[in-house]
Amino acid sequence: MKNIRLIVDNDRKAKQPYFIKKELQTILNLYAKMVSNGTWKDYSLYTGNKEISFNIYKRASEKPILRILKNLKPNYKNEKYLIKDKNGKVIQKSENLKLLIDRTSLGKIELIK
């Protein structure tokens, strides 16, 4: 074998392209609540260079009905977290994910049969 080197990069200064545990827990708590009342059916995660999104589907074959985004390179402080509808229109934006979800009252949506 030729020279093999193990490179460990524990000291990353760049922003990480993923949701941290607290953010993901907040989103998944909302998702579990909405799945249990029958409003949402499926989800997916998308990671890109500029944003990460948690996409929510009513049916797996359709476009996402909602996208909760974490903007990795926001132009303004209040654009760190965004909620977009299925057409890509920004519904709400904030610098705090928990406040964003509470303010848009997504968790208060109930299924009426």
PDB file of N, CA and C in Angstrom:
ATOM      1  N   MET A   1       0.823  -1.178   0.000  1.00  0.00           N
ATOM      2  CA  MET A   1       0.000   0.000   0.000  1.00  0.00           C
ATOM      3  C   MET A   1       0.867   1.241   0.000  1.00  0.00           C
ATOM      4  N   LYS A   2       0.389   2.222  -0.686  1.00  0.00           N
ATOM      5  CA  LYS A   2       1.095   3.497  -0.692  1.00  0.00           C
ATOM      6  C   LYS A   2       0.746   4.264   0.581  1.00  0.00           C
ATOM      7  N   ASN A   3       1.225   5.456   0.680  1.00  0.00           N
ATOM      8  CA  ASN A   3       0.985   6.268   1.869  1.00  0.00           C
ATOM      9  C   ASN A   3      -0.501   6.556   2.029  1.00  0.00           C
ATOM     10  N   ILE A   4      -1.049   6.178   3.162  1.00  0.00           N
ATOM     11  CA  ILE A   4      -2.451   6.441   3.474  1.00  0.00           C
ATOM     12  C   ILE A   4      -2.472   7.384   4.664  1.00  0.00           C
ATOM     13  N   ARG A   5      -3.265   8.441   4.545  1.00  0.00           N
ATOM     14  CA  ARG A   5      -3.368   9.408   5.624  1.00  0.00           C
ATOM     15  C   ARG A   5      -4.816   9.515   6.086  1.00  0.00           C
ATOM     16  N   LEU A   6      -5.016   9.624   7.360  1.00  0.00           N
ATOM     17  CA  LEU A   6      -6.330   9.857   7.938  1.00  0.00           C
ATOM     18  C   LEU A   6      -6.415  11.336   8.285  1.00  0.00           C
ATOM     19  N   ILE A   7      -7.385  12.000   7.711  1.00  0.00           N
ATOM     20  CA  ILE A   7      -7.556  13.431   7.958  1.00  0.00           C
ATOM     21  C   ILE A   7      -8.838  13.615   8.733  1.00  0.00           C
ATOM     22  N   VAL A   8      -8.735  14.199   9.893  1.00  0.00           N
ATOM     23  CA  VAL A   8      -9.887  14.447  10.753  1.00  0.00           C
ATOM     24  C   VAL A   8     -10.075  15.952  10.846  1.00  0.00           C
ATOM     25  N   ASP A   9     -11.278  16.403  10.528  1.00  0.00           N
ATOM     26  CA  ASP A   9     -11.580  17.828  10.547  1.00  0.00           C
ATOM     27  C   ASP A   9     -12.642  18.092  11.604  1.00  0.00           C
ATOM     28  N   ASN A  10     -12.224  18.156  12.863  1.00  0.00           N
ATOM     29  CA  ASN A  10     -13.164  18.385  13.954  1.00  0.00           C
ATOM     30  C   ASN A  10     -13.429  19.863  14.202  1.00  0.00           C
ATOM     31  N   ASP A  11     -12.607  20.713  13.662  1.00  0.00           N
ATOM     32  CA  ASP A  11     -12.712  22.145  13.923  1.00  0.00           C
ATOM     33  C   ASP A  11     -13.225  22.863  12.682  1.00  0.00           C
ATOM     34  N   ARG A  12     -14.502  22.660  12.394  1.00  0.00           N
ATOM     35  CA  ARG A  12     -15.084  23.290  11.197  1.00  0.00           C
ATOM     36  C   ARG A  12     -15.612  24.672  11.545  1.00  0.00           C
ATOM     37  N   LYS A  13     -15.211  25.634  10.794  1.00  0.00           N
ATOM     38  CA  LYS A  13     -15.667  27.003  11.003  1.00  0.00           C
ATOM     39  C   LYS A  13     -16.883  27.322  10.136  1.00  0.00           C
ATOM     40  N   ALA A  14     -17.031  26.607   9.031  1.00  0.00           N
ATOM     41  CA  ALA A  14     -18.128  26.887   8.094  1.00  0.00           C
ATOM     42  C   ALA A  14     -19.455  26.431   8.678  1.00  0.00           C
ATOM     43  N   LYS A  15     -20.536  27.027   8.204  1.00  0.00           N
ATOM     44  CA  LYS A  15     -21.867  26.636   8.645  1.00  0.00           C
ATOM     45  C   LYS A  15     -22.184  25.249   8.117  1.00  0.00           C
ATOM     46  N   GLN A  16     -22.802  24.453   8.954  1.00  0.00           N
ATOM     47  CA  GLN A  16     -23.117  23.078   8.587  1.00  0.00           C
ATOM     48  C   GLN A  16     -24.433  23.022   7.816  1.00  0.00           C
ATOM     49  N   PRO A  17     -24.460  22.274   6.727  1.00  0.00           N
ATOM     50  CA  PRO A  17     -25.673  22.227   5.897  1.00  0.00           C
ATOM     51  C   PRO A  17     -26.697  21.217   6.409  1.00  0.00           C
ATOM     52  N   TYR A  18     -27.189  21.411   7.619  1.00  0.00           N
ATOM     53  CA  TYR A  18     -28.236  20.556   8.151  1.00  0.00           C
ATOM     54  C   TYR A  18     -28.923  21.258   9.312  1.00  0.00           C
ATOM     55  N   PHE A  19     -30.069  20.694   9.727  1.00  0.00           N
ATOM     56  CA  PHE A  19     -30.753  21.206  10.905  1.00  0.00           C
ATOM     57  C   PHE A  19     -30.046  20.661  12.144  1.00  0.00           C
ATOM     58  N   ILE A  20     -29.898  21.489  13.156  1.00  0.00           N
ATOM     59  CA  ILE A  20     -29.348  20.983  14.408  1.00  0.00           C
ATOM     60  C   ILE A  20     -30.457  20.240  15.149  1.00  0.00           C
ATOM     61  N   LYS A  21     -30.088  19.513  16.181  1.00  0.00           N
ATOM     62  CA  LYS A  21     -31.026  18.639  16.884  1.00  0.00           C
ATOM     63  C   LYS A  21     -32.253  19.390  17.408  1.00  0.00           C
ATOM     64  N   LYS A  22     -32.064  20.544  17.994  1.00  0.00           N
ATOM     65  CA  LYS A  22     -33.175  21.313  18.565  1.00  0.00           C
ATOM     66  C   LYS A  22     -34.145  21.773  17.472  1.00  0.00           C
ATOM     67  N   GLU A  23     -33.607  22.205  16.328  1.00  0.00           N
ATOM     68  CA  GLU A  23     -34.454  22.646  15.208  1.00  0.00           C
ATOM     69  C   GLU A  23     -35.260  21.479  14.660  1.00  0.00           C
ATOM     70  N   LEU A  24     -34.591  20.358  14.447  1.00  0.00           N
ATOM     71  CA  LEU A  24     -35.267  19.185  13.897  1.00  0.00           C
ATOM     72  C   LEU A  24     -36.312  18.652  14.866  1.00  0.00           C
ATOM     73  N   GLN A  25     -36.040  18.716  16.152  1.00  0.00           N
ATOM     74  CA  GLN A  25     -37.002  18.275  17.151  1.00  0.00           C
ATOM     75  C   GLN A  25     -38.257  19.145  17.118  1.00  0.00           C
ATOM     76  N   THR A  26     -38.098  20.444  16.970  1.00  0.00           N
ATOM     77  CA  THR A  26     -39.232  21.362  16.873  1.00  0.00           C
ATOM     78  C   THR A  26     -40.079  21.043  15.646  1.00  0.00           C
ATOM     79  N   ILE A  27     -39.425  20.816  14.522  1.00  0.00           N
ATOM     80  CA  ILE A  27     -40.145  20.505  13.281  1.00  0.00           C
ATOM     81  C   ILE A  27     -40.838  19.149  13.381  1.00  0.00           C
ATOM     82  N   LEU A  28     -40.149  18.144  13.903  1.00  0.00           N
ATOM     83  CA  LEU A  28     -40.733  16.806  13.992  1.00  0.00           C
ATOM     84  C   LEU A  28     -41.873  16.737  15.008  1.00  0.00           C
ATOM     85  N   ASN A  29     -41.835  17.548  16.061  1.00  0.00           N
ATOM     86  CA  ASN A  29     -42.962  17.617  16.996  1.00  0.00           C
ATOM     87  C   ASN A  29     -44.208  18.139  16.287  1.00  0.00           C
ATOM     88  N   LEU A  30     -44.046  19.177  15.493  1.00  0.00           N
ATOM     89  CA  LEU A  30     -45.155  19.700  14.699  1.00  0.00           C
ATOM     90  C   LEU A  30     -45.630  18.667  13.691  1.00  0.00           C
ATOM     91  N   TYR A  31     -44.693  18.008  13.017  1.00  0.00           N
ATOM     92  CA  TYR A  31     -45.031  17.002  12.008  1.00  0.00           C
ATOM     93  C   TYR A  31     -45.828  15.852  12.630  1.00  0.00           C
ATOM     94  N   ALA A  32     -45.393  15.372  13.794  1.00  0.00           N
ATOM     95  CA  ALA A  32     -46.095  14.274  14.464  1.00  0.00           C
ATOM     96  C   ALA A  32     -47.522  14.662  14.830  1.00  0.00           C
ATOM     97  N   LYS A  33     -47.692  15.890  15.281  1.00  0.00           N
ATOM     98  CA  LYS A  33     -49.024  16.382  15.637  1.00  0.00           C
ATOM     99  C   LYS A  33     -49.941  16.434  14.414  1.00  0.00           C
ATOM    100  N   MET A  34     -49.387  16.916  13.297  1.00  0.00           N
ATOM    101  CA  MET A  34     -50.193  17.055  12.084  1.00  0.00           C
ATOM    102  C   MET A  34     -50.480  15.697  11.431  1.00  0.00           C
ATOM    103  N   VAL A  35     -49.571  14.745  11.544  1.00  0.00           N
ATOM    104  CA  VAL A  35     -49.801  13.403  11.014  1.00  0.00           C
ATOM    105  C   VAL A  35     -50.874  12.704  11.840  1.00  0.00           C
ATOM    106  N   SER A  36     -50.838  12.896  13.155  1.00  0.00           N
ATOM    107  CA  SER A  36     -51.805  12.221  14.020  1.00  0.00           C
ATOM    108  C   SER A  36     -53.239  12.708  13.787  1.00  0.00           C
ATOM    109  N   ASN A  37     -53.404  13.962  13.367  1.00  0.00           N
ATOM    110  CA  ASN A  37     -54.767  14.412  13.066  1.00  0.00           C
ATOM    111  C   ASN A  37     -55.125  14.249  11.585  1.00  0.00           C
ATOM    112  N   GLY A  38     -54.225  13.658  10.796  1.00  0.00           N
ATOM    113  CA  GLY A  38     -54.539  13.298   9.412  1.00  0.00           C
ATOM    114  C   GLY A  38     -54.325  14.376   8.372  1.00  0.00           C
ATOM    115  N   THR A  39     -53.691  15.481   8.740  1.00  0.00           N
ATOM    116  CA  THR A  39     -53.494  16.586   7.804  1.00  0.00           C
ATOM    117  C   THR A  39     -52.307  16.354   6.878  1.00  0.00           C
ATOM    118  N   TRP A  40     -51.198  15.895   7.433  1.00  0.00           N
ATOM    119  CA  TRP A  40     -49.990  15.658   6.644  1.00  0.00           C
ATOM    120  C   TRP A  40     -49.721  14.169   6.535  1.00  0.00           C
ATOM    121  N   LYS A  41     -49.122  13.739   5.427  1.00  0.00           N
ATOM    122  CA  LYS A  41     -48.901  12.316   5.194  1.00  0.00           C
ATOM    123  C   LYS A  41     -47.427  11.932   5.066  1.00  0.00           C
ATOM    124  N   ASP A  42     -46.591  12.783   4.490  1.00  0.00           N
ATOM    125  CA  ASP A  42     -45.218  12.404   4.185  1.00  0.00           C
ATOM    126  C   ASP A  42     -44.322  13.636   4.253  1.00  0.00           C
ATOM    127  N   TYR A  43     -43.018  13.394   4.325  1.00  0.00           N
ATOM    128  CA  TYR A  43     -42.056  14.504   4.339  1.00  0.00           C
ATOM    129  C   TYR A  43     -40.784  14.094   3.613  1.00  0.00           C
ATOM    130  N   SER A  44     -39.988  15.078   3.282  1.00  0.00           N
ATOM    131  CA  SER A  44     -38.663  14.836   2.715  1.00  0.00           C
ATOM    132  C   SER A  44     -37.737  15.957   3.172  1.00  0.00           C
ATOM    133  N   LEU A  45     -36.450  15.708   3.080  1.00  0.00           N
ATOM    134  CA  LEU A  45     -35.450  16.713   3.406  1.00  0.00           C
ATOM    135  C   LEU A  45     -34.650  17.042   2.155  1.00  0.00           C
ATOM    136  N   TYR A  46     -34.345  18.300   1.982  1.00  0.00           N
ATOM    137  CA  TYR A  46     -33.529  18.747   0.859  1.00  0.00           C
ATOM    138  C   TYR A  46     -32.378  19.561   1.423  1.00  0.00           C
ATOM    139  N   THR A  47     -31.173  19.281   0.969  1.00  0.00           N
ATOM    140  CA  THR A  47     -30.019  20.082   1.370  1.00  0.00           C
ATOM    141  C   THR A  47     -29.363  20.670   0.129  1.00  0.00           C
ATOM    142  N   GLY A  48     -29.054  21.929   0.208  1.00  0.00           N
ATOM    143  CA  GLY A  48     -28.378  22.626  -0.882  1.00  0.00           C
ATOM    144  C   GLY A  48     -27.271  23.498  -0.313  1.00  0.00           C
ATOM    145  N   ASN A  49     -26.639  24.260  -1.171  1.00  0.00           N
ATOM    146  CA  ASN A  49     -25.567  25.142  -0.722  1.00  0.00           C
ATOM    147  C   ASN A  49     -26.084  26.336   0.066  1.00  0.00           C
ATOM    148  N   LYS A  50     -27.272  26.818  -0.287  1.00  0.00           N
ATOM    149  CA  LYS A  50     -27.803  28.018   0.350  1.00  0.00           C
ATOM    150  C   LYS A  50     -28.912  27.757   1.352  1.00  0.00           C
ATOM    151  N   GLU A  51     -29.559  26.588   1.264  1.00  0.00           N
ATOM    152  CA  GLU A  51     -30.685  26.324   2.151  1.00  0.00           C
ATOM    153  C   GLU A  51     -30.879  24.835   2.398  1.00  0.00           C
ATOM    154  N   ILE A  52     -31.577  24.565   3.490  1.00  0.00           N
ATOM    155  CA  ILE A  52     -32.011  23.221   3.836  1.00  0.00           C
ATOM    156  C   ILE A  52     -33.513  23.322   4.007  1.00  0.00           C
ATOM    157  N   SER A  53     -34.259  22.341   3.529  1.00  0.00           N
ATOM    158  CA  SER A  53     -35.699  22.427   3.696  1.00  0.00           C
ATOM    159  C   SER A  53     -36.290  21.108   4.153  1.00  0.00           C
ATOM    160  N   PHE A  54     -37.316  21.230   4.967  1.00  0.00           N
ATOM    161  CA  PHE A  54     -38.140  20.118   5.409  1.00  0.00           C
ATOM    162  C   PHE A  54     -39.438  20.268   4.632  1.00  0.00           C
ATOM    163  N   ASN A  55     -39.656  19.396   3.658  1.00  0.00           N
ATOM    164  CA  ASN A  55     -40.813  19.489   2.769  1.00  0.00           C
ATOM    165  C   ASN A  55     -41.933  18.596   3.278  1.00  0.00           C
ATOM    166  N   ILE A  56     -43.147  19.120   3.290  1.00  0.00           N
ATOM    167  CA  ILE A  56     -44.299  18.408   3.828  1.00  0.00           C
ATOM    168  C   ILE A  56     -45.281  18.137   2.702  1.00  0.00           C
ATOM    169  N   TYR A  57     -45.763  16.890   2.634  1.00  0.00           N
ATOM    170  CA  TYR A  57     -46.652  16.460   1.559  1.00  0.00           C
ATOM    171  C   TYR A  57     -47.996  15.995   2.119  1.00  0.00           C
ATOM    172  N   LYS A  58     -49.036  16.259   1.357  1.00  0.00           N
ATOM    173  CA  LYS A  58     -50.347  15.691   1.676  1.00  0.00           C
ATOM    174  C   LYS A  58     -50.436  14.291   1.077  1.00  0.00           C
ATOM    175  N   ARG A  59     -49.875  14.117  -0.104  1.00  0.00           N
ATOM    176  CA  ARG A  59     -49.721  12.818  -0.756  1.00  0.00           C
ATOM    177  C   ARG A  59     -48.303  12.768  -1.317  1.00  0.00           C
ATOM    178  N   ALA A  60     -47.715  11.603  -1.311  1.00  0.00           N
ATOM    179  CA  ALA A  60     -46.316  11.474  -1.734  1.00  0.00           C
ATOM    180  C   ALA A  60     -46.117  11.800  -3.212  1.00  0.00           C
ATOM    181  N   SER A  61     -47.171  11.708  -4.023  1.00  0.00           N
ATOM    182  CA  SER A  61     -47.034  11.919  -5.457  1.00  0.00           C
ATOM    183  C   SER A  61     -47.151  13.387  -5.872  1.00  0.00           C
ATOM    184  N   GLU A  62     -47.461  14.259  -4.934  1.00  0.00           N
ATOM    185  CA  GLU A  62     -47.668  15.670  -5.270  1.00  0.00           C
ATOM    186  C   GLU A  62     -46.459  16.523  -4.907  1.00  0.00           C
ATOM    187  N   LYS A  63     -46.585  17.822  -5.225  1.00  0.00           N
ATOM    188  CA  LYS A  63     -45.589  18.792  -4.778  1.00  0.00           C
ATOM    189  C   LYS A  63     -45.783  19.017  -3.281  1.00  0.00           C
ATOM    190  N   PRO A  64     -44.738  19.441  -2.587  1.00  0.00           N
ATOM    191  CA  PRO A  64     -44.912  19.700  -1.148  1.00  0.00           C
ATOM    192  C   PRO A  64     -45.898  20.837  -0.912  1.00  0.00           C
ATOM    193  N   ILE A  65     -46.770  20.662   0.092  1.00  0.00           N
ATOM    194  CA  ILE A  65     -47.746  21.712   0.407  1.00  0.00           C
ATOM    195  C   ILE A  65     -47.113  22.812   1.245  1.00  0.00           C
ATOM    196  N   LEU A  66     -46.074  22.469   1.996  1.00  0.00           N
ATOM    197  CA  LEU A  66     -45.341  23.443   2.802  1.00  0.00           C
ATOM    198  C   LEU A  66     -43.866  23.089   2.805  1.00  0.00           C
ATOM    199  N   ARG A  67     -43.043  24.116   2.908  1.00  0.00           N
ATOM    200  CA  ARG A  67     -41.594  23.914   3.037  1.00  0.00           C
ATOM    201  C   ARG A  67     -41.098  24.783   4.184  1.00  0.00           C
ATOM    202  N   ILE A  68     -40.461  24.141   5.168  1.00  0.00           N
ATOM    203  CA  ILE A  68     -39.831  24.868   6.264  1.00  0.00           C
ATOM    204  C   ILE A  68     -38.350  24.925   5.937  1.00  0.00           C
ATOM    205  N   LEU A  69     -37.837  26.122   5.713  1.00  0.00           N
ATOM    206  CA  LEU A  69     -36.464  26.293   5.242  1.00  0.00           C
ATOM    207  C   LEU A  69     -35.566  26.929   6.285  1.00  0.00           C
ATOM    208  N   LYS A  70     -34.313  26.494   6.273  1.00  0.00           N
ATOM    209  CA  LYS A  70     -33.256  27.152   7.031  1.00  0.00           C
ATOM    210  C   LYS A  70     -32.324  27.750   5.994  1.00  0.00           C
ATOM    211  N   ASN A  71     -32.263  29.054   5.950  1.00  0.00           N
ATOM    212  CA  ASN A  71     -31.441  29.777   4.996  1.00  0.00           C
ATOM    213  C   ASN A  71     -30.020  29.859   5.548  1.00  0.00           C
ATOM    214  N   LEU A  72     -29.071  29.247   4.861  1.00  0.00           N
ATOM    215  CA  LEU A  72     -27.689  29.227   5.339  1.00  0.00           C
ATOM    216  C   LEU A  72     -26.947  30.523   5.079  1.00  0.00           C
ATOM    217  N   LYS A  73     -27.391  31.285   4.093  1.00  0.00           N
ATOM    218  CA  LYS A  73     -26.751  32.559   3.763  1.00  0.00           C
ATOM    219  C   LYS A  73     -27.816  33.656   3.659  1.00  0.00           C
ATOM    220  N   PRO A  74     -28.433  34.012   4.806  1.00  0.00           N
ATOM    221  CA  PRO A  74     -29.502  35.019   4.741  1.00  0.00           C
ATOM    222  C   PRO A  74     -28.954  36.421   4.464  1.00  0.00           C
ATOM    223  N   ASN A  75     -29.728  37.186   3.702  1.00  0.00           N
ATOM    224  CA  ASN A  75     -29.364  38.579   3.448  1.00  0.00           C
ATOM    225  C   ASN A  75     -29.676  39.449   4.653  1.00  0.00           C
ATOM    226  N   TYR A  76     -30.751  39.103   5.363  1.00  0.00           N
ATOM    227  CA  TYR A  76     -31.177  39.845   6.545  1.00  0.00           C
ATOM    228  C   TYR A  76     -31.326  38.881   7.710  1.00  0.00           C
ATOM    229  N   LYS A  77     -31.233  39.398   8.922  1.00  0.00           N
ATOM    230  CA  LYS A  77     -31.281  38.577  10.127  1.00  0.00           C
ATOM    231  C   LYS A  77     -32.589  37.796  10.243  1.00  0.00           C
ATOM    232  N   ASN A  78     -33.715  38.419   9.859  1.00  0.00           N
ATOM    233  CA  ASN A  78     -35.017  37.773  10.012  1.00  0.00           C
ATOM    234  C   ASN A  78     -35.333  36.779   8.893  1.00  0.00           C
ATOM    235  N   GLU A  79     -34.407  36.517   8.006  1.00  0.00           N
ATOM    236  CA  GLU A  79     -34.631  35.555   6.924  1.00  0.00           C
ATOM    237  C   GLU A  79     -33.882  34.244   7.154  1.00  0.00           C
ATOM    238  N   LYS A  80     -33.549  33.933   8.405  1.00  0.00           N
ATOM    239  CA  LYS A  80     -32.836  32.687   8.687  1.00  0.00           C
ATOM    240  C   LYS A  80     -33.754  31.480   8.508  1.00  0.00           C
ATOM    241  N   TYR A  81     -35.003  31.598   8.939  1.00  0.00           N
ATOM    242  CA  TYR A  81     -35.988  30.525   8.786  1.00  0.00           C
ATOM    243  C   TYR A  81     -37.177  31.062   7.990  1.00  0.00           C
ATOM    244  N   LEU A  82     -37.643  30.255   7.058  1.00  0.00           N
ATOM    245  CA  LEU A  82     -38.764  30.655   6.204  1.00  0.00           C
ATOM    246  C   LEU A  82     -39.774  29.525   6.120  1.00  0.00           C
ATOM    247  N   ILE A  83     -41.033  29.887   5.923  1.00  0.00           N
ATOM    248  CA  ILE A  83     -42.061  28.908   5.586  1.00  0.00           C
ATOM    249  C   ILE A  83     -42.632  29.339   4.246  1.00  0.00           C
ATOM    250  N   LYS A  84     -42.586  28.408   3.277  1.00  0.00           N
ATOM    251  CA  LYS A  84     -43.100  28.693   1.938  1.00  0.00           C
ATOM    252  C   LYS A  84     -44.251  27.762   1.623  1.00  0.00           C
ATOM    253  N   ASP A  85     -45.186  28.243   0.795  1.00  0.00           N
ATOM    254  CA  ASP A  85     -46.297  27.399   0.362  1.00  0.00           C
ATOM    255  C   ASP A  85     -45.904  26.604  -0.868  1.00  0.00           C
ATOM    256  N   LYS A  86     -46.867  25.886  -1.454  1.00  0.00           N
ATOM    257  CA  LYS A  86     -46.548  25.008  -2.584  1.00  0.00           C
ATOM    258  C   LYS A  86     -46.141  25.767  -3.842  1.00  0.00           C
ATOM    259  N   ASN A  87     -46.474  27.048  -3.938  1.00  0.00           N
ATOM    260  CA  ASN A  87     -46.082  27.854  -5.088  1.00  0.00           C
ATOM    261  C   ASN A  87     -44.751  28.580  -4.884  1.00  0.00           C
ATOM    262  N   GLY A  88     -44.141  28.412  -3.721  1.00  0.00           N
ATOM    263  CA  GLY A  88     -42.865  29.061  -3.443  1.00  0.00           C
ATOM    264  C   GLY A  88     -42.990  30.430  -2.812  1.00  0.00           C
ATOM    265  N   LYS A  89     -44.215  30.852  -2.487  1.00  0.00           N
ATOM    266  CA  LYS A  89     -44.441  32.152  -1.864  1.00  0.00           C
ATOM    267  C   LYS A  89     -44.108  32.066  -0.377  1.00  0.00           C
ATOM    268  N   VAL A  90     -43.362  33.049   0.131  1.00  0.00           N
ATOM    269  CA  VAL A  90     -42.979  33.077   1.542  1.00  0.00           C
ATOM    270  C   VAL A  90     -44.199  33.452   2.376  1.00  0.00           C
ATOM    271  N   ILE A  91     -44.582  32.557   3.277  1.00  0.00           N
ATOM    272  CA  ILE A  91     -45.720  32.798   4.172  1.00  0.00           C
ATOM    273  C   ILE A  91     -45.271  33.585   5.392  1.00  0.00           C
ATOM    274  N   GLN A  92     -44.134  33.160   5.960  1.00  0.00           N
ATOM    275  CA  GLN A  92     -43.627  33.788   7.170  1.00  0.00           C
ATOM    276  C   GLN A  92     -42.114  33.630   7.218  1.00  0.00           C
ATOM    277  N   LYS A  93     -41.434  34.563   7.866  1.00  0.00           N
ATOM    278  CA  LYS A  93     -39.987  34.463   8.049  1.00  0.00           C
ATOM    279  C   LYS A  93     -39.619  34.979   9.434  1.00  0.00           C
ATOM    280  N   SER A  94     -38.543  34.416   9.976  1.00  0.00           N
ATOM    281  CA  SER A  94     -38.130  34.787  11.320  1.00  0.00           C
ATOM    282  C   SER A  94     -36.683  34.374  11.550  1.00  0.00           C
ATOM    283  N   GLU A  95     -36.108  34.843  12.657  1.00  0.00           N
ATOM    284  CA  GLU A  95     -34.774  34.427  13.047  1.00  0.00           C
ATOM    285  C   GLU A  95     -34.829  33.302  14.073  1.00  0.00           C
ATOM    286  N   ASN A  96     -36.041  32.973  14.573  1.00  0.00           N
ATOM    287  CA  ASN A  96     -36.226  31.920  15.567  1.00  0.00           C
ATOM    288  C   ASN A  96     -37.256  30.923  15.041  1.00  0.00           C
ATOM    289  N   LEU A  97     -36.867  29.658  14.918  1.00  0.00           N
ATOM    290  CA  LEU A  97     -37.737  28.638  14.330  1.00  0.00           C
ATOM    291  C   LEU A  97     -38.973  28.370  15.173  1.00  0.00           C
ATOM    292  N   LYS A  98     -38.819  28.256  16.486  1.00  0.00           N
ATOM    293  CA  LYS A  98     -39.962  27.968  17.356  1.00  0.00           C
ATOM    294  C   LYS A  98     -40.990  29.084  17.288  1.00  0.00           C
ATOM    295  N   LEU A  99     -40.537  30.327  17.330  1.00  0.00           N
ATOM    296  CA  LEU A  99     -41.465  31.463  17.219  1.00  0.00           C
ATOM    297  C   LEU A  99     -42.141  31.493  15.846  1.00  0.00           C
ATOM    298  N   LEU A 100     -41.400  31.124  14.820  1.00  0.00           N
ATOM    299  CA  LEU A 100     -41.950  31.086  13.468  1.00  0.00           C
ATOM    300  C   LEU A 100     -43.106  30.097  13.376  1.00  0.00           C
ATOM    301  N   ILE A 101     -42.912  28.905  13.917  1.00  0.00           N
ATOM    302  CA  ILE A 101     -43.956  27.884  13.875  1.00  0.00           C
ATOM    303  C   ILE A 101     -45.147  28.295  14.734  1.00  0.00           C
ATOM    304  N   ASP A 102     -44.901  28.859  15.909  1.00  0.00           N
ATOM    305  CA  ASP A 102     -45.992  29.312  16.777  1.00  0.00           C
ATOM    306  C   ASP A 102     -46.773  30.461  16.145  1.00  0.00           C
ATOM    307  N   ARG A 103     -46.060  31.376  15.508  1.00  0.00           N
ATOM    308  CA  ARG A 103     -46.690  32.563  14.932  1.00  0.00           C
ATOM    309  C   ARG A 103     -47.569  32.227  13.725  1.00  0.00           C
ATOM    310  N   THR A 104     -47.181  31.227  12.949  1.00  0.00           N
ATOM    311  CA  THR A 104     -47.986  30.858  11.793  1.00  0.00           C
ATOM    312  C   THR A 104     -49.139  29.936  12.168  1.00  0.00           C
ATOM    313  N   SER A 105     -49.195  29.521  13.425  1.00  0.00           N
ATOM    314  CA  SER A 105     -50.254  28.670  13.982  1.00  0.00           C
ATOM    315  C   SER A 105     -50.477  27.394  13.152  1.00  0.00           C
ATOM    316  N   LEU A 106     -49.397  26.775  12.710  1.00  0.00           N
ATOM    317  CA  LEU A 106     -49.508  25.512  11.980  1.00  0.00           C
ATOM    318  C   LEU A 106     -49.995  24.399  12.880  1.00  0.00           C
ATOM    319  N   GLY A 107     -49.607  24.410  14.135  1.00  0.00           N
ATOM    320  CA  GLY A 107     -49.999  23.372  15.070  1.00  0.00           C
ATOM    321  C   GLY A 107     -51.444  23.458  15.507  1.00  0.00           C
ATOM    322  N   LYS A 108     -52.112  24.568  15.216  1.00  0.00           N
ATOM    323  CA  LYS A 108     -53.497  24.741  15.630  1.00  0.00           C
ATOM    324  C   LYS A 108     -54.497  24.344  14.556  1.00  0.00           C
ATOM    325  N   ILE A 109     -53.978  23.862  13.417  1.00  0.00           N
ATOM    326  CA  ILE A 109     -54.840  23.415  12.327  1.00  0.00           C
ATOM    327  C   ILE A 109     -55.462  22.079  12.713  1.00  0.00           C
ATOM    328  N   GLU A 110     -56.763  21.941  12.578  1.00  0.00           N
ATOM    329  CA  GLU A 110     -57.441  20.691  12.911  1.00  0.00           C
ATOM    330  C   GLU A 110     -58.170  20.157  11.697  1.00  0.00           C
ATOM    331  N   LEU A 111     -58.247  18.845  11.605  1.00  0.00           N
ATOM    332  CA  LEU A 111     -58.950  18.179  10.531  1.00  0.00           C
ATOM    333  C   LEU A 111     -60.430  18.105  10.867  1.00  0.00           C
ATOM    334  N   ILE A 112     -61.280  18.573   9.977  1.00  0.00           N
ATOM    335  CA  ILE A 112     -62.725  18.523  10.176  1.00  0.00           C
ATOM    336  C   ILE A 112     -63.277  17.479   9.236  1.00  0.00           C
ATOM    337  N   LYS A 113     -63.958  16.491   9.802  1.00  0.00           N
ATOM    338  CA  LYS A 113     -64.505  15.410   8.977  1.00  0.00           C
ATOM    339  C   LYS A 113     -65.975  15.603   8.731  1.00  0.00           C
TER     340      LYS A 113
END
